[in-house]
Amino acid sequence: MSMKLYVGGLAYSVTESELEALFAEQGKVDSAVIIKDRDSGQSKGFGFVEMSDLKEGQNAIKELDGKDFNGRSITVNQARPQEDRRSSGGGGGFRKSY
């Protein structure tokens, strides 16, 4: 069973291949993604790593949480499911009826 990890506190210069290499020391990495701003393409300083094995994922949390990586102390924990971003409040502007 695989495990998806949240990785926060990343330096903006960290690449996905560097992130993957860091976690590969703990086990097989299925994917490593750094979240970027959709307009500028700039890293947002966090990403997600999917490990093939649950135990390897748990070990990665234990070994890498709080570790210095490229001059920054990173946060590593199990990723939570993505929240539903649909708003029940509409989102449109108020339209006055005359």
PDB file of N, CA and C in Angstrom:
ATOM      1  N   MET A   1       0.843  -1.185   0.000  1.00  0.00           N
ATOM      2  CA  MET A   1       0.000   0.000   0.000  1.00  0.00           C
ATOM      3  C   MET A   1       0.884   1.242   0.000  1.00  0.00           C
ATOM      4  N   SER A   2       0.579   2.186  -0.868  1.00  0.00           N
ATOM      5  CA  SER A   2       1.395   3.392  -0.971  1.00  0.00           C
ATOM      6  C   SER A   2       0.990   4.428   0.072  1.00  0.00           C
ATOM      7  N   MET A   3       1.835   5.442   0.211  1.00  0.00           N
ATOM      8  CA  MET A   3       1.583   6.513   1.178  1.00  0.00           C
ATOM      9  C   MET A   3       1.961   7.845   0.546  1.00  0.00           C
ATOM     10  N   LYS A   4       1.044   8.820   0.621  1.00  0.00           N
ATOM     11  CA  LYS A   4       1.303  10.157   0.095  1.00  0.00           C
ATOM     12  C   LYS A   4       1.735  11.055   1.242  1.00  0.00           C
ATOM     13  N   LEU A   5       2.840  11.757   1.026  1.00  0.00           N
ATOM     14  CA  LEU A   5       3.424  12.621   2.052  1.00  0.00           C
ATOM     15  C   LEU A   5       3.371  14.077   1.631  1.00  0.00           C
ATOM     16  N   TYR A   6       3.091  14.943   2.591  1.00  0.00           N
ATOM     17  CA  TYR A   6       3.177  16.394   2.408  1.00  0.00           C
ATOM     18  C   TYR A   6       4.577  16.809   2.829  1.00  0.00           C
ATOM     19  N   VAL A   7       5.219  17.651   2.024  1.00  0.00           N
ATOM     20  CA  VAL A   7       6.550  18.160   2.354  1.00  0.00           C
ATOM     21  C   VAL A   7       6.487  19.682   2.301  1.00  0.00           C
ATOM     22  N   GLY A   8       6.659  20.334   3.443  1.00  0.00           N
ATOM     23  CA  GLY A   8       6.586  21.785   3.518  1.00  0.00           C
ATOM     24  C   GLY A   8       7.912  22.405   3.912  1.00  0.00           C
ATOM     25  N   GLY A   9       8.001  23.702   3.750  1.00  0.00           N
ATOM     26  CA  GLY A   9       9.207  24.430   4.131  1.00  0.00           C
ATOM     27  C   GLY A   9      10.334  24.302   3.125  1.00  0.00           C
ATOM     28  N   LEU A  10       9.997  23.948   1.890  1.00  0.00           N
ATOM     29  CA  LEU A  10      11.029  23.774   0.865  1.00  0.00           C
ATOM     30  C   LEU A  10      11.561  25.120   0.387  1.00  0.00           C
ATOM     31  N   ALA A  11      12.855  25.165   0.106  1.00  0.00           N
ATOM     32  CA  ALA A  11      13.429  26.348  -0.524  1.00  0.00           C
ATOM     33  C   ALA A  11      12.819  26.466  -1.917  1.00  0.00           C
ATOM     34  N   TYR A  12      12.601  27.678  -2.384  1.00  0.00           N
ATOM     35  CA  TYR A  12      11.973  27.882  -3.690  1.00  0.00           C
ATOM     36  C   TYR A  12      12.818  27.325  -4.833  1.00  0.00           C
ATOM     37  N   SER A  13      14.115  27.112  -4.591  1.00  0.00           N
ATOM     38  CA  SER A  13      15.015  26.627  -5.637  1.00  0.00           C
ATOM     39  C   SER A  13      15.022  25.104  -5.773  1.00  0.00           C
ATOM     40  N   VAL A  14      14.377  24.391  -4.856  1.00  0.00           N
ATOM     41  CA  VAL A  14      14.380  22.920  -4.892  1.00  0.00           C
ATOM     42  C   VAL A  14      13.610  22.428  -6.115  1.00  0.00           C
ATOM     43  N   THR A  15      14.203  21.448  -6.813  1.00  0.00           N
ATOM     44  CA  THR A  15      13.552  20.865  -7.985  1.00  0.00           C
ATOM     45  C   THR A  15      12.867  19.551  -7.600  1.00  0.00           C
ATOM     46  N   GLU A  16      11.983  19.096  -8.466  1.00  0.00           N
ATOM     47  CA  GLU A  16      11.300  17.831  -8.215  1.00  0.00           C
ATOM     48  C   GLU A  16      12.285  16.664  -8.195  1.00  0.00           C
ATOM     49  N   SER A  17      13.316  16.721  -9.025  1.00  0.00           N
ATOM     50  CA  SER A  17      14.302  15.634  -9.030  1.00  0.00           C
ATOM     51  C   SER A  17      15.117  15.619  -7.736  1.00  0.00           C
ATOM     52  N   GLU A  18      15.410  16.788  -7.172  1.00  0.00           N
ATOM     53  CA  GLU A  18      16.118  16.842  -5.885  1.00  0.00           C
ATOM     54  C   GLU A  18      15.235  16.289  -4.766  1.00  0.00           C
ATOM     55  N   LEU A  19      13.961  16.635  -4.800  1.00  0.00           N
ATOM     56  CA  LEU A  19      13.009  16.144  -3.803  1.00  0.00           C
ATOM     57  C   LEU A  19      12.895  14.626  -3.901  1.00  0.00           C
ATOM     58  N   GLU A  20      12.785  14.121  -5.118  1.00  0.00           N
ATOM     59  CA  GLU A  20      12.700  12.676  -5.320  1.00  0.00           C
ATOM     60  C   GLU A  20      13.961  11.978  -4.813  1.00  0.00           C
ATOM     61  N   ALA A  21      15.128  12.537  -5.094  1.00  0.00           N
ATOM     62  CA  ALA A  21      16.391  11.936  -4.646  1.00  0.00           C
ATOM     63  C   ALA A  21      16.477  11.888  -3.127  1.00  0.00           C
ATOM     64  N   LEU A  22      16.005  12.934  -2.448  1.00  0.00           N
ATOM     65  CA  LEU A  22      16.029  12.962  -0.986  1.00  0.00           C
ATOM     66  C   LEU A  22      15.195  11.814  -0.418  1.00  0.00           C
ATOM     67  N   PHE A  23      14.000  11.625  -0.959  1.00  0.00           N
ATOM     68  CA  PHE A  23      13.110  10.586  -0.437  1.00  0.00           C
ATOM     69  C   PHE A  23      13.505   9.191  -0.910  1.00  0.00           C
ATOM     70  N   ALA A  24      14.197   9.094  -2.033  1.00  0.00           N
ATOM     71  CA  ALA A  24      14.634   7.787  -2.540  1.00  0.00           C
ATOM     72  C   ALA A  24      15.610   7.119  -1.573  1.00  0.00           C
ATOM     73  N   GLU A  25      16.259   7.901  -0.721  1.00  0.00           N
ATOM     74  CA  GLU A  25      17.150   7.334   0.301  1.00  0.00           C
ATOM     75  C   GLU A  25      16.346   6.515   1.315  1.00  0.00           C
ATOM     76  N   GLN A  26      15.035   6.776   1.409  1.00  0.00           N
ATOM     77  CA  GLN A  26      14.179   6.089   2.382  1.00  0.00           C
ATOM     78  C   GLN A  26      13.390   4.937   1.757  1.00  0.00           C
ATOM     79  N   GLY A  27      13.333   4.864   0.427  1.00  0.00           N
ATOM     80  CA  GLY A  27      12.585   3.806  -0.239  1.00  0.00           C
ATOM     81  C   GLY A  27      12.179   4.217  -1.642  1.00  0.00           C
ATOM     82  N   LYS A  28      11.347   3.390  -2.266  1.00  0.00           N
ATOM     83  CA  LYS A  28      10.924   3.639  -3.646  1.00  0.00           C
ATOM     84  C   LYS A  28       9.916   4.782  -3.705  1.00  0.00           C
ATOM     85  N   VAL A  29      10.223   5.762  -4.550  1.00  0.00           N
ATOM     86  CA  VAL A  29       9.361   6.930  -4.738  1.00  0.00           C
ATOM     87  C   VAL A  29       8.556   6.746  -6.024  1.00  0.00           C
ATOM     88  N   ASP A  30       7.235   6.814  -5.925  1.00  0.00           N
ATOM     89  CA  ASP A  30       6.384   6.730  -7.112  1.00  0.00           C
ATOM     90  C   ASP A  30       6.297   8.076  -7.821  1.00  0.00           C
ATOM     91  N   SER A  31       6.234   9.160  -7.046  1.00  0.00           N
ATOM     92  CA  SER A  31       6.171  10.493  -7.644  1.00  0.00           C
ATOM     93  C   SER A  31       6.624  11.536  -6.632  1.00  0.00           C
ATOM     94  N   ALA A  32       7.141  12.639  -7.158  1.00  0.00           N
ATOM     95  CA  ALA A  32       7.530  13.793  -6.344  1.00  0.00           C
ATOM     96  C   ALA A  32       7.108  15.035  -7.122  1.00  0.00           C
ATOM     97  N   VAL A  33       6.252  15.851  -6.511  1.00  0.00           N
ATOM     98  CA  VAL A  33       5.695  17.021  -7.191  1.00  0.00           C
ATOM     99  C   VAL A  33       5.852  18.238  -6.291  1.00  0.00           C
ATOM    100  N   ILE A  34       6.355  19.319  -6.865  1.00  0.00           N
ATOM    101  CA  ILE A  34       6.425  20.598  -6.150  1.00  0.00           C
ATOM    102  C   ILE A  34       5.282  21.458  -6.674  1.00  0.00           C
ATOM    103  N   ILE A  35       4.516  22.028  -5.760  1.00  0.00           N
ATOM    104  CA  ILE A  35       3.367  22.850  -6.144  1.00  0.00           C
ATOM    105  C   ILE A  35       3.867  24.246  -6.520  1.00  0.00           C
ATOM    106  N   LYS A  36       3.396  24.701  -7.689  1.00  0.00           N
ATOM    107  CA  LYS A  36       3.845  25.989  -8.212  1.00  0.00           C
ATOM    108  C   LYS A  36       2.660  26.924  -8.423  1.00  0.00           C
ATOM    109  N   ASP A  37       2.936  28.213  -8.346  1.00  0.00           N
ATOM    110  CA  ASP A  37       1.932  29.233  -8.633  1.00  0.00           C
ATOM    111  C   ASP A  37       1.521  29.120 -10.099  1.00  0.00           C
ATOM    112  N   ARG A  38       0.227  29.092 -10.367  1.00  0.00           N
ATOM    113  CA  ARG A  38      -0.223  28.867 -11.742  1.00  0.00           C
ATOM    114  C   ARG A  38       0.116  30.023 -12.670  1.00  0.00           C
ATOM    115  N   ASP A  39       0.247  31.236 -12.152  1.00  0.00           N
ATOM    116  CA  ASP A  39       0.539  32.389 -13.005  1.00  0.00           C
ATOM    117  C   ASP A  39       2.034  32.584 -13.241  1.00  0.00           C
ATOM    118  N   SER A  40       2.827  32.520 -12.161  1.00  0.00           N
ATOM    119  CA  SER A  40       4.256  32.813 -12.282  1.00  0.00           C
ATOM    120  C   SER A  40       5.124  31.574 -12.475  1.00  0.00           C
ATOM    121  N   GLY A  41       4.619  30.402 -12.099  1.00  0.00           N
ATOM    122  CA  GLY A  41       5.431  29.184 -12.177  1.00  0.00           C
ATOM    123  C   GLY A  41       6.398  29.047 -11.015  1.00  0.00           C
ATOM    124  N   GLN A  42       6.388  30.004 -10.087  1.00  0.00           N
ATOM    125  CA  GLN A  42       7.266  29.989  -8.915  1.00  0.00           C
ATOM    126  C   GLN A  42       6.799  28.931  -7.912  1.00  0.00           C
ATOM    127  N   SER A  43       7.752  28.221  -7.329  1.00  0.00           N
ATOM    128  CA  SER A  43       7.419  27.238  -6.305  1.00  0.00           C
ATOM    129  C   SER A  43       6.690  27.917  -5.158  1.00  0.00           C
ATOM    130  N   LYS A  44       5.727  27.194  -4.566  1.00  0.00           N
ATOM    131  CA  LYS A  44       5.024  27.713  -3.390  1.00  0.00           C
ATOM    132  C   LYS A  44       5.684  27.235  -2.103  1.00  0.00           C
ATOM    133  N   GLY A  45       6.783  26.477  -2.216  1.00  0.00           N
ATOM    134  CA  GLY A  45       7.527  26.059  -1.026  1.00  0.00           C
ATOM    135  C   GLY A  45       7.018  24.777  -0.389  1.00  0.00           C
ATOM    136  N   PHE A  46       6.159  24.045  -1.102  1.00  0.00           N
ATOM    137  CA  PHE A  46       5.720  22.754  -0.586  1.00  0.00           C
ATOM    138  C   PHE A  46       5.427  21.811  -1.749  1.00  0.00           C
ATOM    139  N   GLY A  47       5.314  20.540  -1.413  1.00  0.00           N
ATOM    140  CA  GLY A  47       5.042  19.554  -2.449  1.00  0.00           C
ATOM    141  C   GLY A  47       4.540  18.255  -1.844  1.00  0.00           C
ATOM    142  N   PHE A  48       4.435  17.247  -2.689  1.00  0.00           N
ATOM    143  CA  PHE A  48       3.942  15.937  -2.274  1.00  0.00           C
ATOM    144  C   PHE A  48       4.831  14.854  -2.847  1.00  0.00           C
ATOM    145  N   VAL A  49       5.080  13.843  -2.037  1.00  0.00           N
ATOM    146  CA  VAL A  49       5.864  12.688  -2.461  1.00  0.00           C
ATOM    147  C   VAL A  49       5.017  11.456  -2.191  1.00  0.00           C
ATOM    148  N   GLU A  50       4.932  10.587  -3.182  1.00  0.00           N
ATOM    149  CA  GLU A  50       4.210   9.335  -2.985  1.00  0.00           C
ATOM    150  C   GLU A  50       5.224   8.202  -2.922  1.00  0.00           C
ATOM    151  N   MET A  51       5.202   7.518  -1.783  1.00  0.00           N
ATOM    152  CA  MET A  51       6.102   6.384  -1.562  1.00  0.00           C
ATOM    153  C   MET A  51       5.345   5.098  -1.866  1.00  0.00           C
ATOM    154  N   SER A  52       6.046   4.113  -2.430  1.00  0.00           N
ATOM    155  CA  SER A  52       5.414   2.849  -2.823  1.00  0.00           C
ATOM    156  C   SER A  52       4.912   2.036  -1.644  1.00  0.00           C
ATOM    157  N   ASP A  53       5.631   2.107  -0.541  1.00  0.00           N
ATOM    158  CA  ASP A  53       5.350   1.238   0.596  1.00  0.00           C
ATOM    159  C   ASP A  53       4.994   2.066   1.828  1.00  0.00           C
ATOM    160  N   LEU A  54       3.974   1.639   2.546  1.00  0.00           N
ATOM    161  CA  LEU A  54       3.518   2.337   3.743  1.00  0.00           C
ATOM    162  C   LEU A  54       4.631   2.458   4.783  1.00  0.00           C
ATOM    163  N   LYS A  55       5.354   1.376   5.034  1.00  0.00           N
ATOM    164  CA  LYS A  55       6.429   1.407   6.043  1.00  0.00           C
ATOM    165  C   LYS A  55       7.558   2.342   5.627  1.00  0.00           C
ATOM    166  N   GLU A  56       7.874   2.364   4.338  1.00  0.00           N
ATOM    167  CA  GLU A  56       8.911   3.290   3.852  1.00  0.00           C
ATOM    168  C   GLU A  56       8.448   4.734   4.009  1.00  0.00           C
ATOM    169  N   GLY A  57       7.162   4.980   3.782  1.00  0.00           N
ATOM    170  CA  GLY A  57       6.611   6.320   3.976  1.00  0.00           C
ATOM    171  C   GLY A  57       6.681   6.756   5.428  1.00  0.00           C
ATOM    172  N   GLN A  58       6.322   5.841   6.331  1.00  0.00           N
ATOM    173  CA  GLN A  58       6.392   6.151   7.763  1.00  0.00           C
ATOM    174  C   GLN A  58       7.838   6.398   8.183  1.00  0.00           C
ATOM    175  N   ASN A  59       8.761   5.627   7.635  1.00  0.00           N
ATOM    176  CA  ASN A  59      10.173   5.817   7.949  1.00  0.00           C
ATOM    177  C   ASN A  59      10.667   7.168   7.413  1.00  0.00           C
ATOM    178  N   ALA A  60      10.201   7.556   6.224  1.00  0.00           N
ATOM    179  CA  ALA A  60      10.594   8.850   5.656  1.00  0.00           C
ATOM    180  C   ALA A  60      10.135   9.994   6.557  1.00  0.00           C
ATOM    181  N   ILE A  61       8.925   9.887   7.104  1.00  0.00           N
ATOM    182  CA  ILE A  61       8.441  10.915   8.038  1.00  0.00           C
ATOM    183  C   ILE A  61       9.371  10.988   9.238  1.00  0.00           C
ATOM    184  N   LYS A  62       9.680   9.832   9.807  1.00  0.00           N
ATOM    185  CA  LYS A  62      10.527   9.776  11.009  1.00  0.00           C
ATOM    186  C   LYS A  62      11.925  10.340  10.740  1.00  0.00           C
ATOM    187  N   GLU A  63      12.494   9.998   9.594  1.00  0.00           N
ATOM    188  CA  GLU A  63      13.874  10.397   9.284  1.00  0.00           C
ATOM    189  C   GLU A  63      14.007  11.827   8.751  1.00  0.00           C
ATOM    190  N   LEU A  64      13.003  12.320   8.032  1.00  0.00           N
ATOM    191  CA  LEU A  64      13.168  13.590   7.321  1.00  0.00           C
ATOM    192  C   LEU A  64      12.431  14.782   7.930  1.00  0.00           C
ATOM    193  N   ASP A  65      11.426  14.544   8.774  1.00  0.00           N
ATOM    194  CA  ASP A  65      10.707  15.663   9.380  1.00  0.00           C
ATOM    195  C   ASP A  65      11.660  16.467  10.259  1.00  0.00           C
ATOM    196  N   GLY A  66      11.774  17.766   9.975  1.00  0.00           N
ATOM    197  CA  GLY A  66      12.658  18.644  10.735  1.00  0.00           C
ATOM    198  C   GLY A  66      14.086  18.686  10.214  1.00  0.00           C
ATOM    199  N   LYS A  67      14.388  17.890   9.193  1.00  0.00           N
ATOM    200  CA  LYS A  67      15.746  17.835   8.641  1.00  0.00           C
ATOM    201  C   LYS A  67      16.043  19.094   7.832  1.00  0.00           C
ATOM    202  N   ASP A  68      17.300  19.514   7.847  1.00  0.00           N
ATOM    203  CA  ASP A  68      17.745  20.633   7.040  1.00  0.00           C
ATOM    204  C   ASP A  68      17.931  20.155   5.601  1.00  0.00           C
ATOM    205  N   PHE A  69      17.274  20.815   4.664  1.00  0.00           N
ATOM    206  CA  PHE A  69      17.392  20.482   3.250  1.00  0.00           C
ATOM    207  C   PHE A  69      17.510  21.781   2.468  1.00  0.00           C
ATOM    208  N   ASN A  70      18.651  21.989   1.831  1.00  0.00           N
ATOM    209  CA  ASN A  70      18.950  23.220   1.084  1.00  0.00           C
ATOM    210  C   ASN A  70      18.785  24.474   1.947  1.00  0.00           C
ATOM    211  N   GLY A  71      19.225  24.374   3.200  1.00  0.00           N
ATOM    212  CA  GLY A  71      19.208  25.523   4.094  1.00  0.00           C
ATOM    213  C   GLY A  71      17.905  25.788   4.804  1.00  0.00           C
ATOM    214  N   ARG A  72      16.924  24.914   4.644  1.00  0.00           N
ATOM    215  CA  ARG A  72      15.622  25.098   5.296  1.00  0.00           C
ATOM    216  C   ARG A  72      15.250  23.830   6.055  1.00  0.00           C
ATOM    217  N   SER A  73      14.591  24.006   7.178  1.00  0.00           N
ATOM    218  CA  SER A  73      14.093  22.871   7.954  1.00  0.00           C
ATOM    219  C   SER A  73      12.747  22.459   7.351  1.00  0.00           C
ATOM    220  N   ILE A  74      12.669  21.228   6.840  1.00  0.00           N
ATOM    221  CA  ILE A  74      11.449  20.801   6.160  1.00  0.00           C
ATOM    222  C   ILE A  74      10.486  20.085   7.106  1.00  0.00           C
ATOM    223  N   THR A  75       9.231  20.145   6.759  1.00  0.00           N
ATOM    224  CA  THR A  75       8.166  19.443   7.479  1.00  0.00           C
ATOM    225  C   THR A  75       7.706  18.294   6.604  1.00  0.00           C
ATOM    226  N   VAL A  76       7.637  17.107   7.185  1.00  0.00           N
ATOM    227  CA  VAL A  76       7.167  15.938   6.441  1.00  0.00           C
ATOM    228  C   VAL A  76       6.111  15.237   7.278  1.00  0.00           C
ATOM    229  N   ASN A  77       4.920  15.061   6.707  1.00  0.00           N
ATOM    230  CA  ASN A  77       3.884  14.280   7.375  1.00  0.00           C
ATOM    231  C   ASN A  77       2.960  13.667   6.333  1.00  0.00           C
ATOM    232  N   GLN A  78       2.068  12.805   6.807  1.00  0.00           N
ATOM    233  CA  GLN A  78       1.156  12.156   5.883  1.00  0.00           C
ATOM    234  C   GLN A  78       0.194  13.190   5.323  1.00  0.00           C
ATOM    235  N   ALA A  79       0.012  13.170   4.017  1.00  0.00           N
ATOM    236  CA  ALA A  79      -0.875  14.126   3.356  1.00  0.00           C
ATOM    237  C   ALA A  79      -2.323  13.828   3.722  1.00  0.00           C
ATOM    238  N   ARG A  80      -3.091  14.879   3.938  1.00  0.00           N
ATOM    239  CA  ARG A  80      -4.527  14.745   4.193  1.00  0.00           C
ATOM    240  C   ARG A  80      -5.255  14.779   2.859  1.00  0.00           C
ATOM    241  N   PRO A  81      -6.439  14.191   2.796  1.00  0.00           N
ATOM    242  CA  PRO A  81      -7.212  14.255   1.543  1.00  0.00           C
ATOM    243  C   PRO A  81      -7.507  15.704   1.180  1.00  0.00           C
ATOM    244  N   GLN A  82      -7.509  15.997  -0.113  1.00  0.00           N
ATOM    245  CA  GLN A  82      -7.777  17.350  -0.580  1.00  0.00           C
ATOM    246  C   GLN A  82      -9.217  17.724  -0.268  1.00  0.00           C
ATOM    247  N   GLU A  83      -9.401  18.950   0.233  1.00  0.00           N
ATOM    248  CA  GLU A  83     -10.739  19.426   0.558  1.00  0.00           C
ATOM    249  C   GLU A  83     -11.485  19.798  -0.705  1.00  0.00           C
ATOM    250  N   ASP A  84     -12.784  19.663  -0.654  1.00  0.00           N
ATOM    251  CA  ASP A  84     -13.637  20.067  -1.760  1.00  0.00           C
ATOM    252  C   ASP A  84     -13.620  21.589  -1.816  1.00  0.00           C
ATOM    253  N   ARG A  85     -13.200  22.163  -2.919  1.00  0.00           N
ATOM    254  CA  ARG A  85     -13.070  23.612  -3.020  1.00  0.00           C
ATOM    255  C   ARG A  85     -14.313  24.304  -3.556  1.00  0.00           C
ATOM    256  N   ARG A  86     -15.337  23.542  -3.872  1.00  0.00           N
ATOM    257  CA  ARG A  86     -16.572  24.169  -4.359  1.00  0.00           C
ATOM    258  C   ARG A  86     -17.209  24.953  -3.226  1.00  0.00           C
ATOM    259  N   SER A  87     -17.604  26.144  -3.531  1.00  0.00           N
ATOM    260  CA  SER A  87     -18.219  27.013  -2.536  1.00  0.00           C
ATOM    261  C   SER A  87     -19.732  26.907  -2.619  1.00  0.00           C
ATOM    262  N   SER A  88     -20.353  26.807  -1.468  1.00  0.00           N
ATOM    263  CA  SER A  88     -21.819  26.794  -1.471  1.00  0.00           C
ATOM    264  C   SER A  88     -22.364  28.212  -1.479  1.00  0.00           C
ATOM    265  N   GLY A  89     -21.482  29.205  -1.377  1.00  0.00           N
ATOM    266  CA  GLY A  89     -21.900  30.596  -1.335  1.00  0.00           C
ATOM    267  C   GLY A  89     -22.082  31.234  -2.686  1.00  0.00           C
ATOM    268  N   GLY A  90     -21.929  30.514  -3.752  1.00  0.00           N
ATOM    269  CA  GLY A  90     -22.161  31.055  -5.077  1.00  0.00           C
ATOM    270  C   GLY A  90     -20.893  31.544  -5.737  1.00  0.00           C
ATOM    271  N   GLY A  91     -20.336  32.641  -5.281  1.00  0.00           N
ATOM    272  CA  GLY A  91     -19.122  33.173  -5.865  1.00  0.00           C
ATOM    273  C   GLY A  91     -19.366  34.269  -6.883  1.00  0.00           C
ATOM    274  N   GLY A  92     -20.599  34.436  -7.328  1.00  0.00           N
ATOM    275  CA  GLY A  92     -20.908  35.477  -8.283  1.00  0.00           C
ATOM    276  C   GLY A  92     -21.171  36.798  -7.572  1.00  0.00           C
ATOM    277  N   GLY A  93     -21.228  37.841  -8.329  1.00  0.00           N
ATOM    278  CA  GLY A  93     -21.506  39.147  -7.749  1.00  0.00           C
ATOM    279  C   GLY A  93     -22.990  39.291  -7.411  1.00  0.00           C
ATOM    280  N   PHE A  94     -23.298  40.241  -6.578  1.00  0.00           N
ATOM    281  CA  PHE A  94     -24.692  40.486  -6.189  1.00  0.00           C
ATOM    282  C   PHE A  94     -25.370  41.227  -7.331  1.00  0.00           C
ATOM    283  N   ARG A  95     -26.512  40.754  -7.708  1.00  0.00           N
ATOM    284  CA  ARG A  95     -27.243  41.373  -8.787  1.00  0.00           C
ATOM    285  C   ARG A  95     -28.540  41.949  -8.241  1.00  0.00           C
ATOM    286  N   LYS A  96     -28.653  43.230  -8.333  1.00  0.00           N
ATOM    287  CA  LYS A  96     -29.847  43.890  -7.807  1.00  0.00           C
ATOM    288  C   LYS A  96     -30.947  43.884  -8.863  1.00  0.00           C
ATOM    289  N   SER A  97     -32.102  43.522  -8.429  1.00  0.00           N
ATOM    290  CA  SER A  97     -33.250  43.482  -9.331  1.00  0.00           C
ATOM    291  C   SER A  97     -34.005  44.814  -9.194  1.00  0.00           C
ATOM    292  N   TYR A  98     -34.331  45.464 -10.304  1.00  0.00           N
ATOM    293  CA  TYR A  98     -35.039  46.746 -10.273  1.00  0.00           C
ATOM    294  C   TYR A  98     -36.468  46.597 -10.658  1.00  0.00           C
TER     295      TYR A  98
END
